[in-house]
Amino acid sequence: AQPFCSPTRASILTGLNVRQHGVATYADALD
C-alpha cells in the first residue's frame, strides 16, 4: 500500500500511483 491512509485509498479508487493521482499526504484532496 502507500505509507498513509488517503494516498492508498486514492490508489485503490483510481488505479494510479501517488505521482499520478496527486494525493501525496494524508491532508491532500483527490481531484
Full PDB file with SEQRES, HELIX, SHEET, SSBOND, CRYST1, ORIGX, SCALE, CONECT and MASTER records, all heavy atoms in Angstrom:
SEQRES   1 A   31  ALA GLN PRO PHE CYS SER PRO THR ARG ALA SER ILE LEU          
SEQRES   2 A   31  THR GLY LEU ASN VAL ARG GLN HIS GLY VAL ALA THR TYR          
SEQRES   3 A   31  ALA ASP ALA LEU ASP                                          
HELIX    1 AA1 CYS A    5  THR A   14  1                                  10    
HELIX    2 AA2 VAL A   18  HIS A   21  1                                   4    
CRYST1    1.000    1.000    1.000  90.00  90.00  90.00 P 1           1          
ORIGX1      1.000000  0.000000  0.000000        0.00000                         
ORIGX2      0.000000  1.000000  0.000000        0.00000                         
ORIGX3      0.000000  0.000000  1.000000        0.00000                         
SCALE1      1.000000  0.000000  0.000000        0.00000                         
SCALE2      0.000000  1.000000  0.000000        0.00000                         
SCALE3      0.000000  0.000000  1.000000        0.00000                         
ATOM      1  N   ALA A   1       0.861  -1.177   0.000  1.00  0.00           N  
ATOM      2  CA  ALA A   1       0.000   0.000   0.000  1.00  0.00           C  
ATOM      3  C   ALA A   1       0.901   1.231   0.000  1.00  0.00           C  
ATOM      4  O   ALA A   1       2.131   1.123   0.035  1.00  0.00           O  
ATOM      5  CB  ALA A   1      -0.897  -0.012   1.236  1.00  0.00           C  
ATOM      6  N   GLN A   2       0.304   2.402  -0.024  1.00  0.00           N  
ATOM      7  CA  GLN A   2       1.062   3.622   0.202  1.00  0.00           C  
ATOM      8  C   GLN A   2       1.298   3.780   1.706  1.00  0.00           C  
ATOM      9  O   GLN A   2       0.635   3.142   2.522  1.00  0.00           O  
ATOM     10  CB  GLN A   2       0.312   4.835  -0.363  1.00  0.00           C  
ATOM     11  CG  GLN A   2      -0.159   4.679  -1.804  1.00  0.00           C  
ATOM     12  CD  GLN A   2       0.974   4.523  -2.811  1.00  0.00           C  
ATOM     13  OE1 GLN A   2       2.156   4.552  -2.473  1.00  0.00           O  
ATOM     14  NE2 GLN A   2       0.614   4.339  -4.081  1.00  0.00           N  
ATOM     15  N   PRO A   3       2.242   4.638   2.116  1.00  0.00           N  
ATOM     16  CA  PRO A   3       2.574   4.731   3.539  1.00  0.00           C  
ATOM     17  C   PRO A   3       1.497   5.363   4.422  1.00  0.00           C  
ATOM     18  O   PRO A   3       1.574   5.257   5.646  1.00  0.00           O  
ATOM     19  CB  PRO A   3       3.844   5.598   3.544  1.00  0.00           C  
ATOM     20  CG  PRO A   3       4.424   5.451   2.176  1.00  0.00           C  
ATOM     21  CD  PRO A   3       3.232   5.340   1.279  1.00  0.00           C  
ATOM     22  N   PHE A   4       0.514   6.052   3.818  1.00  0.00           N  
ATOM     23  CA  PHE A   4      -0.546   6.694   4.590  1.00  0.00           C  
ATOM     24  C   PHE A   4      -1.914   6.346   4.017  1.00  0.00           C  
ATOM     25  O   PHE A   4      -2.046   5.909   2.863  1.00  0.00           O  
ATOM     26  CB  PHE A   4      -0.378   8.221   4.596  1.00  0.00           C  
ATOM     27  CG  PHE A   4       0.634   8.728   5.582  1.00  0.00           C  
ATOM     28  CD1 PHE A   4       1.857   9.196   5.143  1.00  0.00           C  
ATOM     29  CD2 PHE A   4       0.381   8.721   6.950  1.00  0.00           C  
ATOM     30  CE1 PHE A   4       2.802   9.669   6.031  1.00  0.00           C  
ATOM     31  CE2 PHE A   4       1.314   9.185   7.850  1.00  0.00           C  
ATOM     32  CZ  PHE A   4       2.536   9.666   7.401  1.00  0.00           C  
ATOM     33  N   CYS A   5      -2.947   6.640   4.832  1.00  0.00           N  
ATOM     34  CA  CYS A   5      -4.326   6.235   4.530  1.00  0.00           C  
ATOM     35  C   CYS A   5      -4.840   6.773   3.206  1.00  0.00           C  
ATOM     36  O   CYS A   5      -5.272   6.016   2.337  1.00  0.00           O  
ATOM     37  CB  CYS A   5      -5.259   6.721   5.639  1.00  0.00           C  
ATOM     38  SG  CYS A   5      -4.725   6.376   7.324  1.00  0.00           S  
ATOM     39  N   SER A   6      -4.878   8.115   3.062  1.00  0.00           N  
ATOM     40  CA  SER A   6      -5.535   8.681   1.884  1.00  0.00           C  
ATOM     41  C   SER A   6      -4.792   8.405   0.584  1.00  0.00           C  
ATOM     42  O   SER A   6      -5.450   8.151  -0.441  1.00  0.00           O  
ATOM     43  CB  SER A   6      -5.785  10.179   2.071  1.00  0.00           C  
ATOM     44  OG  SER A   6      -4.632  10.840   2.526  1.00  0.00           O  
ATOM     45  N   PRO A   7      -3.445   8.440   0.527  1.00  0.00           N  
ATOM     46  CA  PRO A   7      -2.798   8.040  -0.728  1.00  0.00           C  
ATOM     47  C   PRO A   7      -3.158   6.616  -1.168  1.00  0.00           C  
ATOM     48  O   PRO A   7      -3.326   6.355  -2.364  1.00  0.00           O  
ATOM     49  CB  PRO A   7      -1.305   8.176  -0.397  1.00  0.00           C  
ATOM     50  CG  PRO A   7      -1.245   9.226   0.655  1.00  0.00           C  
ATOM     51  CD  PRO A   7      -2.469   8.984   1.487  1.00  0.00           C  
ATOM     52  N   THR A   8      -3.290   5.702  -0.201  1.00  0.00           N  
ATOM     53  CA  THR A   8      -3.697   4.330  -0.536  1.00  0.00           C  
ATOM     54  C   THR A   8      -5.107   4.290  -1.089  1.00  0.00           C  
ATOM     55  O   THR A   8      -5.388   3.646  -2.110  1.00  0.00           O  
ATOM     56  CB  THR A   8      -3.600   3.422   0.696  1.00  0.00           C  
ATOM     57  OG1 THR A   8      -2.226   3.163   0.983  1.00  0.00           O  
ATOM     58  CG2 THR A   8      -4.319   2.098   0.484  1.00  0.00           C  
ATOM     59  N   ARG A   9      -6.027   4.967  -0.436  1.00  0.00           N  
ATOM     60  CA  ARG A   9      -7.420   4.936  -0.888  1.00  0.00           C  
ATOM     61  C   ARG A   9      -7.551   5.536  -2.286  1.00  0.00           C  
ATOM     62  O   ARG A   9      -8.326   5.045  -3.122  1.00  0.00           O  
ATOM     63  CB  ARG A   9      -8.301   5.670   0.131  1.00  0.00           C  
ATOM     64  CG  ARG A   9      -8.379   4.923   1.452  1.00  0.00           C  
ATOM     65  CD  ARG A   9      -8.800   5.816   2.626  1.00  0.00           C  
ATOM     66  NE  ARG A   9      -8.305   5.229   3.851  1.00  0.00           N  
ATOM     67  CZ  ARG A   9      -8.970   4.350   4.592  1.00  0.00           C  
ATOM     68  NH1 ARG A   9     -10.178   3.975   4.239  1.00  0.00           N  
ATOM     69  NH2 ARG A   9      -8.427   3.847   5.684  1.00  0.00           N  
ATOM     70  N   ALA A  10      -6.770   6.599  -2.540  1.00  0.00           N  
ATOM     71  CA  ALA A  10      -6.776   7.193  -3.873  1.00  0.00           C  
ATOM     72  C   ALA A  10      -6.212   6.228  -4.908  1.00  0.00           C  
ATOM     73  O   ALA A  10      -6.688   6.181  -6.052  1.00  0.00           O  
ATOM     74  CB  ALA A  10      -5.995   8.505  -3.865  1.00  0.00           C  
ATOM     75  N   SER A  11      -5.196   5.445  -4.542  1.00  0.00           N  
ATOM     76  CA  SER A  11      -4.649   4.449  -5.475  1.00  0.00           C  
ATOM     77  C   SER A  11      -5.649   3.345  -5.765  1.00  0.00           C  
ATOM     78  O   SER A  11      -5.747   2.860  -6.893  1.00  0.00           O  
ATOM     79  CB  SER A  11      -3.350   3.862  -4.915  1.00  0.00           C  
ATOM     80  OG  SER A  11      -2.285   4.790  -4.989  1.00  0.00           O  
ATOM     81  N   ILE A  12      -6.396   2.924  -4.751  1.00  0.00           N  
ATOM     82  CA  ILE A  12      -7.434   1.907  -4.978  1.00  0.00           C  
ATOM     83  C   ILE A  12      -8.492   2.444  -5.937  1.00  0.00           C  
ATOM     84  O   ILE A  12      -8.875   1.791  -6.907  1.00  0.00           O  
ATOM     85  CB  ILE A  12      -8.084   1.489  -3.643  1.00  0.00           C  
ATOM     86  CG1 ILE A  12      -7.083   0.758  -2.749  1.00  0.00           C  
ATOM     87  CG2 ILE A  12      -9.308   0.602  -3.901  1.00  0.00           C  
ATOM     88  CD1 ILE A  12      -7.607   0.469  -1.341  1.00  0.00           C  
ATOM     89  N   LEU A  13      -8.974   3.647  -5.671  1.00  0.00           N  
ATOM     90  CA  LEU A  13     -10.088   4.205  -6.439  1.00  0.00           C  
ATOM     91  C   LEU A  13      -9.709   4.520  -7.881  1.00  0.00           C  
ATOM     92  O   LEU A  13     -10.515   4.335  -8.799  1.00  0.00           O  
ATOM     93  CB  LEU A  13     -10.596   5.479  -5.754  1.00  0.00           C  
ATOM     94  CG  LEU A  13     -11.898   6.063  -6.287  1.00  0.00           C  
ATOM     95  CD1 LEU A  13     -13.069   5.143  -5.962  1.00  0.00           C  
ATOM     96  CD2 LEU A  13     -12.131   7.460  -5.719  1.00  0.00           C  
ATOM     97  N   THR A  14      -8.456   4.997  -8.096  1.00  0.00           N  
ATOM     98  CA  THR A  14      -8.048   5.458  -9.432  1.00  0.00           C  
ATOM     99  C   THR A  14      -7.153   4.475 -10.177  1.00  0.00           C  
ATOM    100  O   THR A  14      -6.952   4.626 -11.385  1.00  0.00           O  
ATOM    101  CB  THR A  14      -7.292   6.792  -9.332  1.00  0.00           C  
ATOM    102  OG1 THR A  14      -6.043   6.580  -8.638  1.00  0.00           O  
ATOM    103  CG2 THR A  14      -8.112   7.846  -8.600  1.00  0.00           C  
ATOM    104  N   GLY A  15      -6.559   3.502  -9.466  1.00  0.00           N  
ATOM    105  CA  GLY A  15      -5.616   2.588 -10.094  1.00  0.00           C  
ATOM    106  C   GLY A  15      -4.281   3.225 -10.423  1.00  0.00           C  
ATOM    107  O   GLY A  15      -3.527   2.700 -11.240  1.00  0.00           O  
ATOM    108  N   LEU A  16      -3.945   4.331  -9.751  1.00  0.00           N  
ATOM    109  CA  LEU A  16      -2.757   5.105 -10.079  1.00  0.00           C  
ATOM    110  C   LEU A  16      -1.779   5.164  -8.911  1.00  0.00           C  
ATOM    111  O   LEU A  16      -2.139   4.933  -7.752  1.00  0.00           O  
ATOM    112  CB  LEU A  16      -3.155   6.533 -10.463  1.00  0.00           C  
ATOM    113  CG  LEU A  16      -4.086   6.683 -11.672  1.00  0.00           C  
ATOM    114  CD1 LEU A  16      -4.458   8.147 -11.870  1.00  0.00           C  
ATOM    115  CD2 LEU A  16      -3.446   6.108 -12.932  1.00  0.00           C  
ATOM    116  N   ASN A  17      -0.533   5.522  -9.226  1.00  0.00           N  
ATOM    117  CA  ASN A  17       0.471   5.809  -8.214  1.00  0.00           C  
ATOM    118  C   ASN A  17       0.309   7.238  -7.709  1.00  0.00           C  
ATOM    119  O   ASN A  17      -0.420   8.054  -8.285  1.00  0.00           O  
ATOM    120  CB  ASN A  17       1.874   5.613  -8.791  1.00  0.00           C  
ATOM    121  CG  ASN A  17       2.207   4.154  -9.018  1.00  0.00           C  
ATOM    122  OD1 ASN A  17       1.868   3.289  -8.213  1.00  0.00           O  
ATOM    123  ND2 ASN A  17       2.877   3.861 -10.134  1.00  0.00           N  
ATOM    124  N   VAL A  18       1.034   7.553  -6.641  1.00  0.00           N  
ATOM    125  CA  VAL A  18       0.881   8.848  -5.983  1.00  0.00           C  
ATOM    126  C   VAL A  18       1.201  10.007  -6.925  1.00  0.00           C  
ATOM    127  O   VAL A  18       0.479  11.010  -6.967  1.00  0.00           O  
ATOM    128  CB  VAL A  18       1.765   8.909  -4.722  1.00  0.00           C  
ATOM    129  CG1 VAL A  18       1.861  10.330  -4.177  1.00  0.00           C  
ATOM    130  CG2 VAL A  18       1.202   7.976  -3.648  1.00  0.00           C  
ATOM    131  N   ARG A  19       2.296   9.900  -7.677  1.00  0.00           N  
ATOM    132  CA  ARG A  19       2.656  10.990  -8.589  1.00  0.00           C  
ATOM    133  C   ARG A  19       1.547  11.232  -9.609  1.00  0.00           C  
ATOM    134  O   ARG A  19       1.341  12.372 -10.059  1.00  0.00           O  
ATOM    135  CB  ARG A  19       3.967  10.667  -9.308  1.00  0.00           C  
ATOM    136  CG  ARG A  19       4.449  11.773 -10.237  1.00  0.00           C  
ATOM    137  CD  ARG A  19       5.856  11.488 -10.749  1.00  0.00           C  
ATOM    138  NE  ARG A  19       6.303  12.528 -11.652  1.00  0.00           N  
ATOM    139  CZ  ARG A  19       6.129  12.512 -12.969  1.00  0.00           C  
ATOM    140  NH1 ARG A  19       5.535  11.462 -13.537  1.00  0.00           N  
ATOM    141  NH2 ARG A  19       6.573  13.508 -13.724  1.00  0.00           N  
ATOM    142  N   GLN A  20       0.800  10.203  -9.957  1.00  0.00           N  
ATOM    143  CA  GLN A  20      -0.270  10.347 -10.938  1.00  0.00           C  
ATOM    144  C   GLN A  20      -1.542  10.933 -10.335  1.00  0.00           C  
ATOM    145  O   GLN A  20      -2.166  11.821 -10.928  1.00  0.00           O  
ATOM    146  CB  GLN A  20      -0.589   8.992 -11.571  1.00  0.00           C  
ATOM    147  CG  GLN A  20       0.545   8.376 -12.385  1.00  0.00           C  
ATOM    148  CD  GLN A  20       0.220   6.946 -12.796  1.00  0.00           C  
ATOM    149  OE1 GLN A  20       0.091   6.059 -11.957  1.00  0.00           O  
ATOM    150  NE2 GLN A  20       0.070   6.729 -14.098  1.00  0.00           N  
ATOM    151  N   HIS A  21      -1.951  10.446  -9.163  1.00  0.00           N  
ATOM    152  CA  HIS A  21      -3.220  10.936  -8.605  1.00  0.00           C  
ATOM    153  C   HIS A  21      -3.065  12.163  -7.712  1.00  0.00           C  
ATOM    154  O   HIS A  21      -4.048  12.847  -7.410  1.00  0.00           O  
ATOM    155  CB  HIS A  21      -4.011   9.836  -7.900  1.00  0.00           C  
ATOM    156  CG  HIS A  21      -3.361   9.204  -6.708  1.00  0.00           C  
ATOM    157  ND1 HIS A  21      -2.920   9.897  -5.608  1.00  0.00           N  
ATOM    158  CD2 HIS A  21      -3.128   7.886  -6.428  1.00  0.00           C  
ATOM    159  CE1 HIS A  21      -2.439   9.064  -4.704  1.00  0.00           C  
ATOM    160  NE2 HIS A  21      -2.541   7.829  -5.175  1.00  0.00           N  
ATOM    161  N   GLY A  22      -1.840  12.475  -7.286  1.00  0.00           N  
ATOM    162  CA  GLY A  22      -1.591  13.725  -6.596  1.00  0.00           C  
ATOM    163  C   GLY A  22      -1.899  13.757  -5.117  1.00  0.00           C  
ATOM    164  O   GLY A  22      -1.733  14.795  -4.469  1.00  0.00           O  
ATOM    165  N   VAL A  23      -2.328  12.642  -4.533  1.00  0.00           N  
ATOM    166  CA  VAL A  23      -2.618  12.605  -3.089  1.00  0.00           C  
ATOM    167  C   VAL A  23      -1.364  12.071  -2.399  1.00  0.00           C  
ATOM    168  O   VAL A  23      -1.217  10.866  -2.193  1.00  0.00           O  
ATOM    169  CB  VAL A  23      -3.848  11.739  -2.783  1.00  0.00           C  
ATOM    170  CG1 VAL A  23      -4.153  11.746  -1.288  1.00  0.00           C  
ATOM    171  CG2 VAL A  23      -5.053  12.243  -3.562  1.00  0.00           C  
ATOM    172  N   ALA A  24      -0.456  12.978  -2.055  1.00  0.00           N  
ATOM    173  CA  ALA A  24       0.838  12.583  -1.510  1.00  0.00           C  
ATOM    174  C   ALA A  24       0.862  12.587   0.011  1.00  0.00           C  
ATOM    175  O   ALA A  24       1.695  11.910   0.617  1.00  0.00           O  
ATOM    176  CB  ALA A  24       1.943  13.508  -2.033  1.00  0.00           C  
ATOM    177  N   THR A  25      -0.042  13.334   0.644  1.00  0.00           N  
ATOM    178  CA  THR A  25      -0.084  13.397   2.107  1.00  0.00           C  
ATOM    179  C   THR A  25      -1.473  12.995   2.587  1.00  0.00           C  
ATOM    180  O   THR A  25      -2.424  12.897   1.811  1.00  0.00           O  
ATOM    181  CB  THR A  25       0.222  14.817   2.625  1.00  0.00           C  
ATOM    182  OG1 THR A  25      -0.964  15.636   2.504  1.00  0.00           O  
ATOM    183  CG2 THR A  25       1.353  15.475   1.844  1.00  0.00           C  
ATOM    184  N   TYR A  26      -1.598  12.839   3.901  1.00  0.00           N  
ATOM    185  CA  TYR A  26      -2.903  12.492   4.460  1.00  0.00           C  
ATOM    186  C   TYR A  26      -3.858  13.683   4.461  1.00  0.00           C  
ATOM    187  O   TYR A  26      -5.034  13.534   4.798  1.00  0.00           O  
ATOM    188  CB  TYR A  26      -2.769  11.906   5.859  1.00  0.00           C  
ATOM    189  CG  TYR A  26      -2.005  12.763   6.848  1.00  0.00           C  
ATOM    190  CD1 TYR A  26      -2.563  13.895   7.415  1.00  0.00           C  
ATOM    191  CD2 TYR A  26      -0.708  12.429   7.220  1.00  0.00           C  
ATOM    192  CE1 TYR A  26      -1.870  14.678   8.322  1.00  0.00           C  
ATOM    193  CE2 TYR A  26       0.000  13.191   8.123  1.00  0.00           C  
ATOM    194  CZ  TYR A  26      -0.583  14.322   8.676  1.00  0.00           C  
ATOM    195  OH  TYR A  26       0.122  15.093   9.569  1.00  0.00           O  
ATOM    196  N   ALA A  27      -3.362  14.881   4.085  1.00  0.00           N  
ATOM    197  CA  ALA A  27      -4.229  16.058   4.027  1.00  0.00           C  
ATOM    198  C   ALA A  27      -4.641  16.429   2.614  1.00  0.00           C  
ATOM    199  O   ALA A  27      -5.496  17.296   2.423  1.00  0.00           O  
ATOM    200  CB  ALA A  27      -3.511  17.242   4.675  1.00  0.00           C  
ATOM    201  N   ASP A  28      -4.041  15.807   1.600  1.00  0.00           N  
ATOM    202  CA  ASP A  28      -4.327  16.167   0.217  1.00  0.00           C  
ATOM    203  C   ASP A  28      -5.706  15.677  -0.222  1.00  0.00           C  
ATOM    204  O   ASP A  28      -6.216  14.672   0.278  1.00  0.00           O  
ATOM    205  CB  ASP A  28      -3.269  15.569  -0.723  1.00  0.00           C  
ATOM    206  CG  ASP A  28      -1.914  16.231  -0.577  1.00  0.00           C  
ATOM    207  OD1 ASP A  28      -1.868  17.367  -0.074  1.00  0.00           O  
ATOM    208  OD2 ASP A  28      -0.909  15.606  -0.957  1.00  0.00           O  
ATOM    209  N   ALA A  29      -6.275  16.401  -1.185  1.00  0.00           N  
ATOM    210  CA  ALA A  29      -7.586  16.050  -1.729  1.00  0.00           C  
ATOM    211  C   ALA A  29      -7.434  15.454  -3.122  1.00  0.00           C  
ATOM    212  O   ALA A  29      -6.662  15.960  -3.945  1.00  0.00           O  
ATOM    213  CB  ALA A  29      -8.471  17.286  -1.792  1.00  0.00           C  
ATOM    214  N   LEU A  30      -8.164  14.405  -3.398  1.00  0.00           N  
ATOM    215  CA  LEU A  30      -8.209  13.817  -4.734  1.00  0.00           C  
ATOM    216  C   LEU A  30      -9.104  14.679  -5.621  1.00  0.00           C  
ATOM    217  O   LEU A  30     -10.266  14.937  -5.273  1.00  0.00           O  
ATOM    218  CB  LEU A  30      -8.754  12.388  -4.668  1.00  0.00           C  
ATOM    219  CG  LEU A  30      -8.875  11.641  -6.004  1.00  0.00           C  
ATOM    220  CD1 LEU A  30      -7.498  11.412  -6.621  1.00  0.00           C  
ATOM    221  CD2 LEU A  30      -9.600  10.308  -5.804  1.00  0.00           C  
ATOM    222  N   ASP A  31      -8.563  15.121  -6.756  1.00  0.00           N  
ATOM    223  CA  ASP A  31      -9.339  15.989  -7.632  1.00  0.00           C  
ATOM    224  C   ASP A  31     -10.487  15.216  -8.286  1.00  0.00           C  
ATOM    225  O   ASP A  31     -10.344  14.042  -8.655  1.00  0.00           O  
ATOM    226  CB  ASP A  31      -8.442  16.601  -8.709  1.00  0.00           C  
ATOM    227  CG  ASP A  31      -9.139  17.706  -9.468  1.00  0.00           C  
ATOM    228  OD1 ASP A  31      -9.246  18.823  -8.931  1.00  0.00           O  
ATOM    229  OD2 ASP A  31      -9.613  17.438 -10.586  1.00  0.00           O  
TER     230      ASP A  31                                                      
MASTER        0    0    0    2    0    0    0    6  229    1    0    3          
END                                                                             
